[in-house]
Amino acid sequence: MPVPFPSPSPSTPGCGRRLGLFGGSFDPIHKGHLAAARAAQEAFGLDRVVFVPAARPPHKPDLELAPEADRLEMVRLAVASEPSWSVCDLEFDRPGPSYTMDTVEQLRARAGEDEEASIWLLIGADNLPGLVGWHRVEELLEAVRPIVIRRAGEDHELPPELEQGLSTGVLERLREGVLSLPPAPGRSTDLRAALRAGDRAPEDLPEAVGEYIRQRGLYGGL
Protein backbone atom coordinates (compact mmCIF):
# COMPACT_ATOMS: atom_id res chain seq x y z
CA MET A 1 0.00 0.00 0.00
CA PRO A 2 1.22 3.54 -0.67
CA VAL A 3 2.42 5.64 2.24
CA PRO A 4 -0.38 8.02 3.37
CA PHE A 5 -0.14 11.58 2.16
CA PRO A 6 1.92 13.30 4.88
CA SER A 7 0.76 16.17 7.03
CA PRO A 8 2.58 18.05 9.78
CA SER A 9 2.44 16.59 13.26
CA PRO A 10 3.49 18.11 16.59
CA SER A 11 5.34 14.87 17.38
CA THR A 12 7.49 15.10 14.26
CA PRO A 13 9.08 18.58 14.14
CA GLY A 14 9.62 19.84 10.61
CA CYS A 15 7.57 17.08 8.99
CA GLY A 16 5.92 18.64 5.97
CA ARG A 17 7.30 22.13 6.68
CA ARG A 18 8.88 22.05 3.23
CA LEU A 19 7.09 19.43 1.21
CA GLY A 20 8.18 18.65 -2.33
CA LEU A 21 5.45 17.50 -4.70
CA PHE A 22 6.66 15.45 -7.65
CA GLY A 23 3.91 14.46 -10.07
CA GLY A 24 4.26 12.56 -13.31
CA SER A 25 3.19 9.55 -15.32
CA PHE A 26 6.22 7.57 -14.06
CA ASP A 27 5.75 5.11 -16.92
CA PRO A 28 8.13 3.76 -15.76
CA ILE A 29 9.90 5.67 -13.01
CA HIS A 30 13.67 5.73 -13.58
CA LYS A 31 16.94 6.88 -12.06
CA GLY A 32 16.60 10.31 -13.65
CA HIS A 33 13.42 10.95 -11.66
CA LEU A 34 15.15 9.88 -8.45
CA ALA A 35 18.22 12.01 -9.14
CA ALA A 36 16.02 15.06 -9.77
CA ALA A 37 14.09 14.52 -6.54
CA ARG A 38 17.30 14.08 -4.55
CA ALA A 39 18.90 17.19 -6.05
CA ALA A 40 15.79 19.30 -5.41
CA GLN A 41 15.55 18.06 -1.84
CA GLU A 42 19.17 18.98 -1.15
CA ALA A 43 19.14 22.33 -2.98
CA PHE A 44 15.90 23.63 -1.45
CA GLY A 45 16.01 21.95 1.96
CA LEU A 46 12.86 19.88 1.46
CA ASP A 47 11.80 17.89 4.51
CA ARG A 48 9.86 15.38 2.44
CA VAL A 49 9.19 14.52 -1.18
CA VAL A 50 5.87 12.98 -2.20
CA PHE A 51 5.67 11.25 -5.58
CA VAL A 52 2.17 11.47 -7.07
CA PRO A 53 1.63 9.25 -10.14
CA ALA A 54 -0.78 10.91 -12.55
CA ALA A 55 -4.02 9.14 -13.35
CA ARG A 56 -4.19 10.52 -16.88
CA PRO A 57 -2.74 13.94 -17.71
CA PRO A 58 -5.62 16.23 -18.80
CA HIS A 59 -3.43 17.65 -21.59
CA LYS A 60 -2.68 14.12 -22.92
CA PRO A 61 -6.11 12.42 -23.05
CA ASP A 62 -5.02 9.82 -25.62
CA LEU A 63 -1.79 8.84 -23.91
CA GLU A 64 -1.44 5.09 -23.39
CA LEU A 65 -0.16 4.30 -19.92
CA ALA A 66 0.66 1.17 -17.96
CA PRO A 67 -2.07 0.24 -15.45
CA GLU A 68 -2.36 2.55 -12.47
CA ALA A 69 -1.66 -0.21 -9.96
CA ASP A 70 1.57 -1.13 -11.74
CA ARG A 71 2.84 2.46 -11.99
CA LEU A 72 2.01 3.02 -8.34
CA GLU A 73 3.88 -0.12 -7.28
CA MET A 74 6.91 0.77 -9.40
CA VAL A 75 7.14 4.17 -7.71
CA ARG A 76 6.71 2.56 -4.29
CA LEU A 77 9.59 0.19 -5.02
CA ALA A 78 11.78 2.99 -6.34
CA VAL A 79 11.40 5.24 -3.28
CA ALA A 80 11.31 2.54 -0.59
CA SER A 81 14.91 3.08 0.54
CA GLU A 82 14.48 6.83 1.16
CA PRO A 83 12.81 7.49 4.57
CA SER A 84 11.79 11.04 3.63
CA TRP A 85 10.16 9.97 0.35
CA SER A 86 6.67 8.57 -0.09
CA VAL A 87 4.16 7.80 -2.80
CA CYS A 88 0.49 8.69 -2.85
CA ASP A 89 -2.40 7.46 -5.01
CA LEU A 90 -4.38 10.65 -4.45
CA GLU A 91 -4.95 11.32 -8.15
CA PHE A 92 -6.16 7.78 -8.83
CA ASP A 93 -9.01 8.27 -6.35
CA ARG A 94 -10.24 11.49 -7.94
CA PRO A 95 -13.12 11.22 -10.45
CA GLY A 96 -12.79 13.02 -13.77
CA PRO A 97 -9.73 14.96 -14.94
CA SER A 98 -6.98 15.24 -12.34
CA TYR A 99 -5.34 18.64 -12.01
CA THR A 100 -2.25 19.61 -10.04
CA MET A 101 -4.13 22.47 -8.40
CA ASP A 102 -6.64 20.00 -6.97
CA THR A 103 -3.79 17.99 -5.47
CA VAL A 104 -2.25 21.11 -3.93
CA GLU A 105 -5.59 22.14 -2.42
CA GLN A 106 -6.05 18.71 -0.86
CA LEU A 107 -2.54 18.88 0.54
CA ARG A 108 -3.20 22.33 1.97
CA ALA A 109 -6.35 21.04 3.65
CA ARG A 110 -4.40 18.21 5.28
CA ALA A 111 -1.71 20.61 6.47
CA GLY A 112 -4.40 22.34 8.51
CA GLU A 113 -3.28 25.19 10.72
CA ASP A 114 0.46 24.84 10.11
CA GLU A 115 1.17 28.28 8.64
CA GLU A 116 4.85 27.46 8.24
CA ALA A 117 4.17 24.56 5.89
CA SER A 118 5.09 25.23 2.27
CA ILE A 119 4.66 23.19 -0.89
CA TRP A 120 7.40 23.04 -3.49
CA LEU A 121 6.33 21.77 -6.90
CA LEU A 122 8.89 20.03 -9.11
CA ILE A 123 8.38 20.89 -12.79
CA GLY A 124 10.49 19.58 -15.65
CA ALA A 125 11.74 22.36 -17.94
CA ASP A 126 10.33 20.38 -20.87
CA ASN A 127 6.85 21.13 -19.47
CA LEU A 128 7.32 24.90 -19.48
CA PRO A 129 6.10 25.61 -23.06
CA GLY A 130 2.67 24.17 -22.22
CA LEU A 131 2.46 25.56 -18.71
CA VAL A 132 0.12 28.43 -19.63
CA GLY A 133 -2.48 25.82 -20.55
CA TRP A 134 -2.47 24.21 -17.12
CA HIS A 135 -5.65 24.43 -15.06
CA ARG A 136 -5.64 27.59 -12.87
CA VAL A 137 -1.93 27.99 -13.54
CA GLU A 138 -1.53 31.48 -12.06
CA GLU A 139 -3.26 30.41 -8.87
CA LEU A 140 -1.20 27.23 -8.78
CA LEU A 141 2.15 28.97 -9.10
CA GLU A 142 1.19 31.46 -6.41
CA ALA A 143 0.16 28.65 -4.04
CA VAL A 144 3.44 26.73 -4.40
CA ARG A 145 7.13 27.42 -4.78
CA PRO A 146 8.05 26.04 -8.21
CA ILE A 147 11.28 24.11 -8.71
CA VAL A 148 12.13 24.01 -12.41
CA ILE A 149 14.34 21.02 -13.24
CA ARG A 150 16.51 22.16 -16.12
CA ARG A 151 18.86 19.66 -17.73
CA ALA A 152 22.15 20.54 -19.42
CA GLY A 153 21.48 21.53 -23.02
CA GLU A 154 17.98 22.86 -22.36
CA ASP A 155 17.19 26.52 -23.02
CA HIS A 156 18.20 28.80 -20.15
CA GLU A 157 15.47 31.34 -20.93
CA LEU A 158 11.79 30.94 -20.14
CA PRO A 159 9.76 30.11 -23.26
CA PRO A 160 8.11 33.12 -24.94
CA GLU A 161 4.71 31.52 -24.31
CA LEU A 162 5.26 32.06 -20.60
CA GLU A 163 6.51 35.62 -20.99
CA GLN A 164 3.28 36.48 -22.79
CA GLY A 165 0.87 34.40 -20.72
CA LEU A 166 1.93 34.73 -17.08
CA SER A 167 2.17 37.62 -14.65
CA THR A 168 5.51 39.22 -13.78
CA GLY A 169 5.35 37.88 -10.24
CA VAL A 170 4.81 34.29 -11.34
CA LEU A 171 7.58 34.53 -13.93
CA GLU A 172 9.95 35.68 -11.21
CA ARG A 173 8.98 32.72 -9.02
CA LEU A 174 9.82 30.39 -11.89
CA ARG A 175 13.20 32.02 -12.46
CA GLU A 176 14.05 31.85 -8.76
CA GLY A 177 13.27 28.14 -8.68
CA VAL A 178 15.48 26.97 -11.54
CA LEU A 179 17.66 23.98 -10.64
CA SER A 180 20.27 23.08 -13.27
CA LEU A 181 21.24 19.41 -13.46
CA PRO A 182 23.41 17.20 -15.70
CA PRO A 183 21.73 15.45 -18.65
CA ALA A 184 19.14 12.91 -17.56
CA PRO A 185 20.47 9.33 -17.52
CA GLY A 186 17.41 8.17 -19.44
CA ARG A 187 13.82 8.89 -20.40
CA SER A 188 10.72 6.80 -19.87
CA THR A 189 10.08 6.80 -23.63
CA ASP A 190 13.55 5.37 -24.32
CA LEU A 191 13.21 2.79 -21.56
CA ARG A 192 9.88 1.54 -22.90
CA ALA A 193 11.44 1.21 -26.35
CA ALA A 194 14.42 -0.69 -24.94
CA LEU A 195 12.16 -3.08 -23.06
CA ARG A 196 10.04 -3.71 -26.14
CA ALA A 197 13.24 -4.40 -28.08
CA GLY A 198 14.17 -7.14 -25.63
CA ASP A 199 16.50 -5.37 -23.20
CA ARG A 200 15.65 -7.13 -19.94
CA ALA A 201 17.67 -4.84 -17.67
CA PRO A 202 18.08 -1.24 -18.89
CA GLU A 203 20.69 0.38 -16.65
CA ASP A 204 18.59 3.50 -16.05
CA LEU A 205 15.90 1.51 -14.21
CA PRO A 206 16.16 0.96 -10.45
CA GLU A 207 16.85 -2.73 -9.92
CA ALA A 208 13.61 -3.42 -8.05
CA VAL A 209 11.59 -1.66 -10.76
CA GLY A 210 13.27 -3.67 -13.51
CA GLU A 211 12.52 -6.90 -11.67
CA TYR A 212 8.87 -5.89 -11.22
CA ILE A 213 8.56 -5.09 -14.93
CA ARG A 214 9.97 -8.51 -15.82
CA GLN A 215 7.65 -10.29 -13.42
CA ARG A 216 4.60 -8.45 -14.72
CA GLY A 217 5.61 -8.55 -18.38
CA LEU A 218 5.11 -4.80 -18.75
CA TYR A 219 6.13 -2.96 -21.93
CA GLY A 220 6.72 -6.26 -23.71
CA GLY A 221 9.61 -6.83 -21.32
CA LEU A 222 9.50 -10.63 -21.20
C-alpha atoms as a PDB file:
ATOM      1  CA  MET A   1       0.000   0.000   0.000  1.00  0.00           C
ATOM      2  CA  PRO A   2       1.218   3.541  -0.669  1.00  0.00           C
ATOM      3  CA  VAL A   3       2.416   5.640   2.237  1.00  0.00           C
ATOM      4  CA  PRO A   4      -0.377   8.023   3.373  1.00  0.00           C
ATOM      5  CA  PHE A   5      -0.140  11.582   2.160  1.00  0.00           C
ATOM      6  CA  PRO A   6       1.921  13.297   4.876  1.00  0.00           C
ATOM      7  CA  SER A   7       0.756  16.168   7.030  1.00  0.00           C
ATOM      8  CA  PRO A   8       2.577  18.055   9.777  1.00  0.00           C
ATOM      9  CA  SER A   9       2.435  16.593  13.262  1.00  0.00           C
ATOM     10  CA  PRO A  10       3.493  18.110  16.593  1.00  0.00           C
ATOM     11  CA  SER A  11       5.340  14.874  17.380  1.00  0.00           C
ATOM     12  CA  THR A  12       7.493  15.101  14.263  1.00  0.00           C
ATOM     13  CA  PRO A  13       9.084  18.575  14.140  1.00  0.00           C
ATOM     14  CA  GLY A  14       9.616  19.835  10.613  1.00  0.00           C
ATOM     15  CA  CYS A  15       7.568  17.080   8.994  1.00  0.00           C
ATOM     16  CA  GLY A  16       5.921  18.640   5.971  1.00  0.00           C
ATOM     17  CA  ARG A  17       7.298  22.126   6.682  1.00  0.00           C
ATOM     18  CA  ARG A  18       8.880  22.051   3.228  1.00  0.00           C
ATOM     19  CA  LEU A  19       7.088  19.433   1.208  1.00  0.00           C
ATOM     20  CA  GLY A  20       8.182  18.645  -2.332  1.00  0.00           C
ATOM     21  CA  LEU A  21       5.446  17.501  -4.696  1.00  0.00           C
ATOM     22  CA  PHE A  22       6.662  15.448  -7.651  1.00  0.00           C
ATOM     23  CA  GLY A  23       3.911  14.459 -10.066  1.00  0.00           C
ATOM     24  CA  GLY A  24       4.261  12.562 -13.315  1.00  0.00           C
ATOM     25  CA  SER A  25       3.191   9.547 -15.317  1.00  0.00           C
ATOM     26  CA  PHE A  26       6.219   7.565 -14.060  1.00  0.00           C
ATOM     27  CA  ASP A  27       5.751   5.112 -16.917  1.00  0.00           C
ATOM     28  CA  PRO A  28       8.129   3.756 -15.757  1.00  0.00           C
ATOM     29  CA  ILE A  29       9.901   5.670 -13.008  1.00  0.00           C
ATOM     30  CA  HIS A  30      13.668   5.727 -13.584  1.00  0.00           C
ATOM     31  CA  LYS A  31      16.940   6.878 -12.061  1.00  0.00           C
ATOM     32  CA  GLY A  32      16.605  10.312 -13.650  1.00  0.00           C
ATOM     33  CA  HIS A  33      13.424  10.949 -11.658  1.00  0.00           C
ATOM     34  CA  LEU A  34      15.147   9.876  -8.450  1.00  0.00           C
ATOM     35  CA  ALA A  35      18.218  12.006  -9.137  1.00  0.00           C
ATOM     36  CA  ALA A  36      16.024  15.059  -9.770  1.00  0.00           C
ATOM     37  CA  ALA A  37      14.091  14.519  -6.538  1.00  0.00           C
ATOM     38  CA  ARG A  38      17.300  14.081  -4.553  1.00  0.00           C
ATOM     39  CA  ALA A  39      18.904  17.189  -6.054  1.00  0.00           C
ATOM     40  CA  ALA A  40      15.789  19.295  -5.409  1.00  0.00           C
ATOM     41  CA  GLN A  41      15.554  18.061  -1.838  1.00  0.00           C
ATOM     42  CA  GLU A  42      19.171  18.980  -1.148  1.00  0.00           C
ATOM     43  CA  ALA A  43      19.136  22.328  -2.978  1.00  0.00           C
ATOM     44  CA  PHE A  44      15.901  23.634  -1.446  1.00  0.00           C
ATOM     45  CA  GLY A  45      16.007  21.950   1.963  1.00  0.00           C
ATOM     46  CA  LEU A  46      12.856  19.885   1.463  1.00  0.00           C
ATOM     47  CA  ASP A  47      11.801  17.886   4.513  1.00  0.00           C
ATOM     48  CA  ARG A  48       9.860  15.382   2.436  1.00  0.00           C
ATOM     49  CA  VAL A  49       9.193  14.516  -1.177  1.00  0.00           C
ATOM     50  CA  VAL A  50       5.875  12.975  -2.204  1.00  0.00           C
ATOM     51  CA  PHE A  51       5.667  11.248  -5.577  1.00  0.00           C
ATOM     52  CA  VAL A  52       2.173  11.472  -7.074  1.00  0.00           C
ATOM     53  CA  PRO A  53       1.633   9.255 -10.137  1.00  0.00           C
ATOM     54  CA  ALA A  54      -0.783  10.911 -12.549  1.00  0.00           C
ATOM     55  CA  ALA A  55      -4.025   9.143 -13.348  1.00  0.00           C
ATOM     56  CA  ARG A  56      -4.193  10.524 -16.879  1.00  0.00           C
ATOM     57  CA  PRO A  57      -2.740  13.939 -17.713  1.00  0.00           C
ATOM     58  CA  PRO A  58      -5.619  16.229 -18.799  1.00  0.00           C
ATOM     59  CA  HIS A  59      -3.431  17.650 -21.589  1.00  0.00           C
ATOM     60  CA  LYS A  60      -2.684  14.125 -22.921  1.00  0.00           C
ATOM     61  CA  PRO A  61      -6.108  12.422 -23.046  1.00  0.00           C
ATOM     62  CA  ASP A  62      -5.024   9.819 -25.625  1.00  0.00           C
ATOM     63  CA  LEU A  63      -1.785   8.842 -23.906  1.00  0.00           C
ATOM     64  CA  GLU A  64      -1.441   5.088 -23.388  1.00  0.00           C
ATOM     65  CA  LEU A  65      -0.158   4.297 -19.919  1.00  0.00           C
ATOM     66  CA  ALA A  66       0.664   1.172 -17.960  1.00  0.00           C
ATOM     67  CA  PRO A  67      -2.069   0.236 -15.455  1.00  0.00           C
ATOM     68  CA  GLU A  68      -2.362   2.554 -12.471  1.00  0.00           C
ATOM     69  CA  ALA A  69      -1.664  -0.211  -9.960  1.00  0.00           C
ATOM     70  CA  ASP A  70       1.571  -1.126 -11.741  1.00  0.00           C
ATOM     71  CA  ARG A  71       2.839   2.457 -11.991  1.00  0.00           C
ATOM     72  CA  LEU A  72       2.009   3.020  -8.338  1.00  0.00           C
ATOM     73  CA  GLU A  73       3.875  -0.116  -7.279  1.00  0.00           C
ATOM     74  CA  MET A  74       6.915   0.766  -9.399  1.00  0.00           C
ATOM     75  CA  VAL A  75       7.136   4.166  -7.712  1.00  0.00           C
ATOM     76  CA  ARG A  76       6.709   2.562  -4.293  1.00  0.00           C
ATOM     77  CA  LEU A  77       9.589   0.187  -5.020  1.00  0.00           C
ATOM     78  CA  ALA A  78      11.784   2.993  -6.344  1.00  0.00           C
ATOM     79  CA  VAL A  79      11.399   5.237  -3.285  1.00  0.00           C
ATOM     80  CA  ALA A  80      11.314   2.539  -0.589  1.00  0.00           C
ATOM     81  CA  SER A  81      14.911   3.081   0.540  1.00  0.00           C
ATOM     82  CA  GLU A  82      14.476   6.831   1.164  1.00  0.00           C
ATOM     83  CA  PRO A  83      12.814   7.485   4.566  1.00  0.00           C
ATOM     84  CA  SER A  84      11.790  11.041   3.630  1.00  0.00           C
ATOM     85  CA  TRP A  85      10.160   9.975   0.352  1.00  0.00           C
ATOM     86  CA  SER A  86       6.672   8.567  -0.086  1.00  0.00           C
ATOM     87  CA  VAL A  87       4.164   7.798  -2.798  1.00  0.00           C
ATOM     88  CA  CYS A  88       0.490   8.693  -2.853  1.00  0.00           C
ATOM     89  CA  ASP A  89      -2.396   7.458  -5.009  1.00  0.00           C
ATOM     90  CA  LEU A  90      -4.380  10.647  -4.452  1.00  0.00           C
ATOM     91  CA  GLU A  91      -4.950  11.317  -8.154  1.00  0.00           C
ATOM     92  CA  PHE A  92      -6.163   7.778  -8.833  1.00  0.00           C
ATOM     93  CA  ASP A  93      -9.012   8.270  -6.355  1.00  0.00           C
ATOM     94  CA  ARG A  94     -10.238  11.492  -7.943  1.00  0.00           C
ATOM     95  CA  PRO A  95     -13.119  11.219 -10.451  1.00  0.00           C
ATOM     96  CA  GLY A  96     -12.792  13.025 -13.769  1.00  0.00           C
ATOM     97  CA  PRO A  97      -9.728  14.960 -14.942  1.00  0.00           C
ATOM     98  CA  SER A  98      -6.983  15.239 -12.344  1.00  0.00           C
ATOM     99  CA  TYR A  99      -5.337  18.638 -12.010  1.00  0.00           C
ATOM    100  CA  THR A 100      -2.245  19.607 -10.044  1.00  0.00           C
ATOM    101  CA  MET A 101      -4.126  22.474  -8.398  1.00  0.00           C
ATOM    102  CA  ASP A 102      -6.641  20.000  -6.974  1.00  0.00           C
ATOM    103  CA  THR A 103      -3.789  17.993  -5.472  1.00  0.00           C
ATOM    104  CA  VAL A 104      -2.254  21.108  -3.934  1.00  0.00           C
ATOM    105  CA  GLU A 105      -5.592  22.138  -2.418  1.00  0.00           C
ATOM    106  CA  GLN A 106      -6.054  18.709  -0.856  1.00  0.00           C
ATOM    107  CA  LEU A 107      -2.541  18.875   0.537  1.00  0.00           C
ATOM    108  CA  ARG A 108      -3.201  22.328   1.968  1.00  0.00           C
ATOM    109  CA  ALA A 109      -6.349  21.039   3.646  1.00  0.00           C
ATOM    110  CA  ARG A 110      -4.402  18.206   5.275  1.00  0.00           C
ATOM    111  CA  ALA A 111      -1.708  20.605   6.471  1.00  0.00           C
ATOM    112  CA  GLY A 112      -4.399  22.337   8.508  1.00  0.00           C
ATOM    113  CA  GLU A 113      -3.284  25.185  10.724  1.00  0.00           C
ATOM    114  CA  ASP A 114       0.462  24.843  10.106  1.00  0.00           C
ATOM    115  CA  GLU A 115       1.167  28.283   8.635  1.00  0.00           C
ATOM    116  CA  GLU A 116       4.854  27.460   8.236  1.00  0.00           C
ATOM    117  CA  ALA A 117       4.170  24.561   5.886  1.00  0.00           C
ATOM    118  CA  SER A 118       5.094  25.227   2.271  1.00  0.00           C
ATOM    119  CA  ILE A 119       4.656  23.193  -0.887  1.00  0.00           C
ATOM    120  CA  TRP A 120       7.396  23.036  -3.487  1.00  0.00           C
ATOM    121  CA  LEU A 121       6.331  21.770  -6.905  1.00  0.00           C
ATOM    122  CA  LEU A 122       8.886  20.026  -9.114  1.00  0.00           C
ATOM    123  CA  ILE A 123       8.376  20.892 -12.792  1.00  0.00           C
ATOM    124  CA  GLY A 124      10.488  19.581 -15.653  1.00  0.00           C
ATOM    125  CA  ALA A 125      11.735  22.364 -17.935  1.00  0.00           C
ATOM    126  CA  ASP A 126      10.334  20.383 -20.870  1.00  0.00           C
ATOM    127  CA  ASN A 127       6.854  21.127 -19.473  1.00  0.00           C
ATOM    128  CA  LEU A 128       7.318  24.897 -19.479  1.00  0.00           C
ATOM    129  CA  PRO A 129       6.100  25.615 -23.055  1.00  0.00           C
ATOM    130  CA  GLY A 130       2.674  24.171 -22.221  1.00  0.00           C
ATOM    131  CA  LEU A 131       2.456  25.558 -18.705  1.00  0.00           C
ATOM    132  CA  VAL A 132       0.121  28.427 -19.629  1.00  0.00           C
ATOM    133  CA  GLY A 133      -2.484  25.821 -20.552  1.00  0.00           C
ATOM    134  CA  TRP A 134      -2.468  24.207 -17.124  1.00  0.00           C
ATOM    135  CA  HIS A 135      -5.650  24.429 -15.064  1.00  0.00           C
ATOM    136  CA  ARG A 136      -5.635  27.587 -12.875  1.00  0.00           C
ATOM    137  CA  VAL A 137      -1.928  27.986 -13.543  1.00  0.00           C
ATOM    138  CA  GLU A 138      -1.526  31.481 -12.062  1.00  0.00           C
ATOM    139  CA  GLU A 139      -3.257  30.415  -8.868  1.00  0.00           C
ATOM    140  CA  LEU A 140      -1.200  27.228  -8.776  1.00  0.00           C
ATOM    141  CA  LEU A 141       2.152  28.973  -9.102  1.00  0.00           C
ATOM    142  CA  GLU A 142       1.191  31.465  -6.407  1.00  0.00           C
ATOM    143  CA  ALA A 143       0.158  28.650  -4.042  1.00  0.00           C
ATOM    144  CA  VAL A 144       3.436  26.728  -4.404  1.00  0.00           C
ATOM    145  CA  ARG A 145       7.130  27.424  -4.784  1.00  0.00           C
ATOM    146  CA  PRO A 146       8.049  26.041  -8.209  1.00  0.00           C
ATOM    147  CA  ILE A 147      11.281  24.115  -8.711  1.00  0.00           C
ATOM    148  CA  VAL A 148      12.127  24.012 -12.412  1.00  0.00           C
ATOM    149  CA  ILE A 149      14.336  21.023 -13.238  1.00  0.00           C
ATOM    150  CA  ARG A 150      16.511  22.161 -16.124  1.00  0.00           C
ATOM    151  CA  ARG A 151      18.857  19.659 -17.735  1.00  0.00           C
ATOM    152  CA  ALA A 152      22.146  20.541 -19.419  1.00  0.00           C
ATOM    153  CA  GLY A 153      21.483  21.529 -23.017  1.00  0.00           C
ATOM    154  CA  GLU A 154      17.980  22.856 -22.359  1.00  0.00           C
ATOM    155  CA  ASP A 155      17.189  26.517 -23.015  1.00  0.00           C
ATOM    156  CA  HIS A 156      18.195  28.801 -20.146  1.00  0.00           C
ATOM    157  CA  GLU A 157      15.465  31.341 -20.931  1.00  0.00           C
ATOM    158  CA  LEU A 158      11.792  30.935 -20.138  1.00  0.00           C
ATOM    159  CA  PRO A 159       9.757  30.106 -23.262  1.00  0.00           C
ATOM    160  CA  PRO A 160       8.113  33.122 -24.938  1.00  0.00           C
ATOM    161  CA  GLU A 161       4.710  31.523 -24.314  1.00  0.00           C
ATOM    162  CA  LEU A 162       5.256  32.059 -20.599  1.00  0.00           C
ATOM    163  CA  GLU A 163       6.510  35.617 -20.993  1.00  0.00           C
ATOM    164  CA  GLN A 164       3.279  36.477 -22.792  1.00  0.00           C
ATOM    165  CA  GLY A 165       0.870  34.403 -20.720  1.00  0.00           C
ATOM    166  CA  LEU A 166       1.928  34.731 -17.076  1.00  0.00           C
ATOM    167  CA  SER A 167       2.174  37.624 -14.651  1.00  0.00           C
ATOM    168  CA  THR A 168       5.505  39.218 -13.783  1.00  0.00           C
ATOM    169  CA  GLY A 169       5.350  37.881 -10.237  1.00  0.00           C
ATOM    170  CA  VAL A 170       4.806  34.286 -11.337  1.00  0.00           C
ATOM    171  CA  LEU A 171       7.579  34.530 -13.932  1.00  0.00           C
ATOM    172  CA  GLU A 172       9.951  35.681 -11.206  1.00  0.00           C
ATOM    173  CA  ARG A 173       8.978  32.723  -9.017  1.00  0.00           C
ATOM    174  CA  LEU A 174       9.816  30.386 -11.894  1.00  0.00           C
ATOM    175  CA  ARG A 175      13.197  32.024 -12.462  1.00  0.00           C
ATOM    176  CA  GLU A 176      14.050  31.851  -8.757  1.00  0.00           C
ATOM    177  CA  GLY A 177      13.265  28.140  -8.680  1.00  0.00           C
ATOM    178  CA  VAL A 178      15.480  26.971 -11.537  1.00  0.00           C
ATOM    179  CA  LEU A 179      17.664  23.984 -10.640  1.00  0.00           C
ATOM    180  CA  SER A 180      20.268  23.084 -13.268  1.00  0.00           C
ATOM    181  CA  LEU A 181      21.240  19.411 -13.455  1.00  0.00           C
ATOM    182  CA  PRO A 182      23.408  17.203 -15.703  1.00  0.00           C
ATOM    183  CA  PRO A 183      21.733  15.455 -18.647  1.00  0.00           C
ATOM    184  CA  ALA A 184      19.137  12.908 -17.564  1.00  0.00           C
ATOM    185  CA  PRO A 185      20.465   9.330 -17.520  1.00  0.00           C
ATOM    186  CA  GLY A 186      17.411   8.171 -19.440  1.00  0.00           C
ATOM    187  CA  ARG A 187      13.821   8.895 -20.403  1.00  0.00           C
ATOM    188  CA  SER A 188      10.722   6.803 -19.869  1.00  0.00           C
ATOM    189  CA  THR A 189      10.080   6.800 -23.630  1.00  0.00           C
ATOM    190  CA  ASP A 190      13.547   5.369 -24.317  1.00  0.00           C
ATOM    191  CA  LEU A 191      13.211   2.787 -21.563  1.00  0.00           C
ATOM    192  CA  ARG A 192       9.883   1.543 -22.904  1.00  0.00           C
ATOM    193  CA  ALA A 193      11.437   1.207 -26.354  1.00  0.00           C
ATOM    194  CA  ALA A 194      14.424  -0.686 -24.936  1.00  0.00           C
ATOM    195  CA  LEU A 195      12.157  -3.077 -23.059  1.00  0.00           C
ATOM    196  CA  ARG A 196      10.039  -3.711 -26.142  1.00  0.00           C
ATOM    197  CA  ALA A 197      13.238  -4.404 -28.082  1.00  0.00           C
ATOM    198  CA  GLY A 198      14.173  -7.144 -25.626  1.00  0.00           C
ATOM    199  CA  ASP A 199      16.502  -5.370 -23.200  1.00  0.00           C
ATOM    200  CA  ARG A 200      15.649  -7.131 -19.942  1.00  0.00           C
ATOM    201  CA  ALA A 201      17.670  -4.842 -17.667  1.00  0.00           C
ATOM    202  CA  PRO A 202      18.083  -1.237 -18.888  1.00  0.00           C
ATOM    203  CA  GLU A 203      20.688   0.379 -16.647  1.00  0.00           C
ATOM    204  CA  ASP A 204      18.588   3.497 -16.050  1.00  0.00           C
ATOM    205  CA  LEU A 205      15.902   1.514 -14.211  1.00  0.00           C
ATOM    206  CA  PRO A 206      16.155   0.963 -10.451  1.00  0.00           C
ATOM    207  CA  GLU A 207      16.847  -2.733  -9.916  1.00  0.00           C
ATOM    208  CA  ALA A 208      13.607  -3.419  -8.050  1.00  0.00           C
ATOM    209  CA  VAL A 209      11.590  -1.656 -10.758  1.00  0.00           C
ATOM    210  CA  GLY A 210      13.274  -3.666 -13.510  1.00  0.00           C
ATOM    211  CA  GLU A 211      12.517  -6.900 -11.670  1.00  0.00           C
ATOM    212  CA  TYR A 212       8.873  -5.888 -11.222  1.00  0.00           C
ATOM    213  CA  ILE A 213       8.562  -5.087 -14.930  1.00  0.00           C
ATOM    214  CA  ARG A 214       9.971  -8.509 -15.824  1.00  0.00           C
ATOM    215  CA  GLN A 215       7.646 -10.293 -13.421  1.00  0.00           C
ATOM    216  CA  ARG A 216       4.598  -8.455 -14.724  1.00  0.00           C
ATOM    217  CA  GLY A 217       5.608  -8.551 -18.383  1.00  0.00           C
ATOM    218  CA  LEU A 218       5.111  -4.800 -18.751  1.00  0.00           C
ATOM    219  CA  TYR A 219       6.125  -2.955 -21.926  1.00  0.00           C
ATOM    220  CA  GLY A 220       6.718  -6.263 -23.709  1.00  0.00           C
ATOM    221  CA  GLY A 221       9.609  -6.826 -21.319  1.00  0.00           C
ATOM    222  CA  LEU A 222       9.505 -10.629 -21.205  1.00  0.00           C
END
